[in-house]
Amino acid sequence: MTTNRPSRTVTKAELEAQIEQQRVDILVAASRWRSATRPIDDGWRTLMRFKAPLYAAGGLLLFRLGRHPGRLLRLGRRATAGALVVNRVRRMLR
């Protein structure tokens, strides 16, 4: 009885070649991923470099807003009005 199945060594060699190709594909994909996300990572590192000053500025801002909450409401109303004006001007210029 002769079978048309390849021998174990041939099958093993084919599987090992397939695994090696998959490893290469993963390395290439990882390299592309790192190069694509590099600007985001750089921005995150920059943000983390200024973490302590940002916390201090946020705390100072919260302290001032806690003492004068009316200012925040006034600023919110002005920002909303400004956004509405900008949208209306955009619609008029179309």
Protein backbone atom coordinates (compact mmCIF):
# COMPACT_ATOMS: atom_id res chain seq x y z
CA MET A 1 0.00 0.00 0.00
CA THR A 2 1.41 3.27 -1.09
CA THR A 3 -0.03 6.49 0.20
CA ASN A 4 0.23 9.88 -1.40
CA ARG A 5 0.81 11.58 1.93
CA PRO A 6 4.13 13.41 2.35
CA SER A 7 6.53 12.07 4.92
CA ARG A 8 6.71 13.43 8.43
CA THR A 9 9.98 15.25 7.79
CA VAL A 10 8.56 17.03 4.75
CA THR A 11 5.43 18.04 6.69
CA LYS A 12 7.54 19.22 9.61
CA ALA A 13 9.77 21.28 7.32
CA GLU A 14 6.74 22.90 5.67
CA LEU A 15 5.23 23.76 9.06
CA GLU A 16 8.50 25.21 10.32
CA ALA A 17 8.80 27.33 7.17
CA GLN A 18 5.25 28.54 7.66
CA ILE A 19 5.94 29.44 11.31
CA GLU A 20 9.11 31.29 10.31
CA GLN A 21 7.18 33.29 7.70
CA GLN A 22 4.53 34.17 10.28
CA ARG A 23 7.24 35.40 12.63
CA VAL A 24 8.69 37.60 9.91
CA ASP A 25 5.21 38.96 9.12
CA ILE A 26 4.64 39.79 12.78
CA LEU A 27 7.99 41.60 13.01
CA VAL A 28 7.18 43.67 9.91
CA ALA A 29 3.69 44.51 11.21
CA ALA A 30 5.11 45.52 14.60
CA SER A 31 7.65 47.79 12.93
CA ARG A 32 4.94 49.44 10.81
CA TRP A 33 2.76 49.86 13.91
CA ARG A 34 5.58 51.53 15.83
CA SER A 35 6.33 53.92 12.99
CA ALA A 36 2.63 54.77 12.58
CA THR A 37 2.11 55.47 16.28
CA ARG A 38 5.39 57.31 16.84
CA PRO A 39 3.84 60.84 16.65
CA ILE A 40 1.17 59.88 19.18
CA ASP A 41 3.77 58.38 21.50
CA ASP A 42 5.96 61.47 21.19
CA GLY A 43 3.02 63.70 22.04
CA TRP A 44 2.15 61.54 25.04
CA ARG A 45 5.74 61.67 26.29
CA THR A 46 5.73 65.46 25.93
CA LEU A 47 2.49 65.67 27.87
CA MET A 48 3.87 63.42 30.61
CA ARG A 49 6.98 65.58 30.83
CA PHE A 50 4.77 68.50 31.86
CA LYS A 51 2.55 66.43 34.13
CA ALA A 52 3.45 68.17 37.41
CA PRO A 53 3.07 71.73 36.05
CA LEU A 54 -0.27 70.77 34.46
CA TYR A 55 -1.49 69.41 37.79
CA ALA A 56 -0.38 72.59 39.53
CA ALA A 57 -2.07 74.81 36.94
CA GLY A 58 -5.25 72.72 37.15
CA GLY A 59 -5.25 72.97 40.93
CA LEU A 60 -4.76 76.71 40.80
CA LEU A 61 -7.57 77.03 38.27
CA LEU A 62 -9.91 74.93 40.41
CA PHE A 63 -9.01 76.97 43.47
CA ARG A 64 -9.82 80.23 41.70
CA LEU A 65 -13.03 78.85 40.23
CA GLY A 66 -14.06 77.57 43.64
CA ARG A 67 -13.67 81.02 45.10
CA HIS A 68 -15.50 82.76 42.22
CA PRO A 69 -17.89 80.27 40.54
CA GLY A 70 -19.75 83.03 38.71
CA ARG A 71 -16.73 83.58 36.48
CA LEU A 72 -16.98 80.04 35.15
CA LEU A 73 -20.66 80.47 34.34
CA ARG A 74 -19.98 83.77 32.60
CA LEU A 75 -17.10 82.23 30.65
CA GLY A 76 -19.32 79.28 29.65
CA ARG A 77 -22.05 81.61 28.38
CA ARG A 78 -19.53 83.63 26.39
CA ALA A 79 -17.98 80.50 24.88
CA THR A 80 -21.42 79.20 23.88
CA ALA A 81 -22.38 82.54 22.35
CA GLY A 82 -19.08 82.69 20.48
CA ALA A 83 -19.57 79.18 19.08
CA LEU A 84 -23.09 80.07 17.93
CA VAL A 85 -21.82 83.22 16.22
CA VAL A 86 -19.06 81.27 14.47
CA ASN A 87 -21.56 78.67 13.22
CA ARG A 88 -23.95 81.35 11.97
CA VAL A 89 -21.13 83.17 10.14
CA ARG A 90 -20.04 79.92 8.51
CA ARG A 91 -23.58 79.25 7.31
CA MET A 92 -23.88 82.78 5.93
CA LEU A 93 -20.60 82.48 3.99
CA ARG A 94 -21.63 79.25 2.26
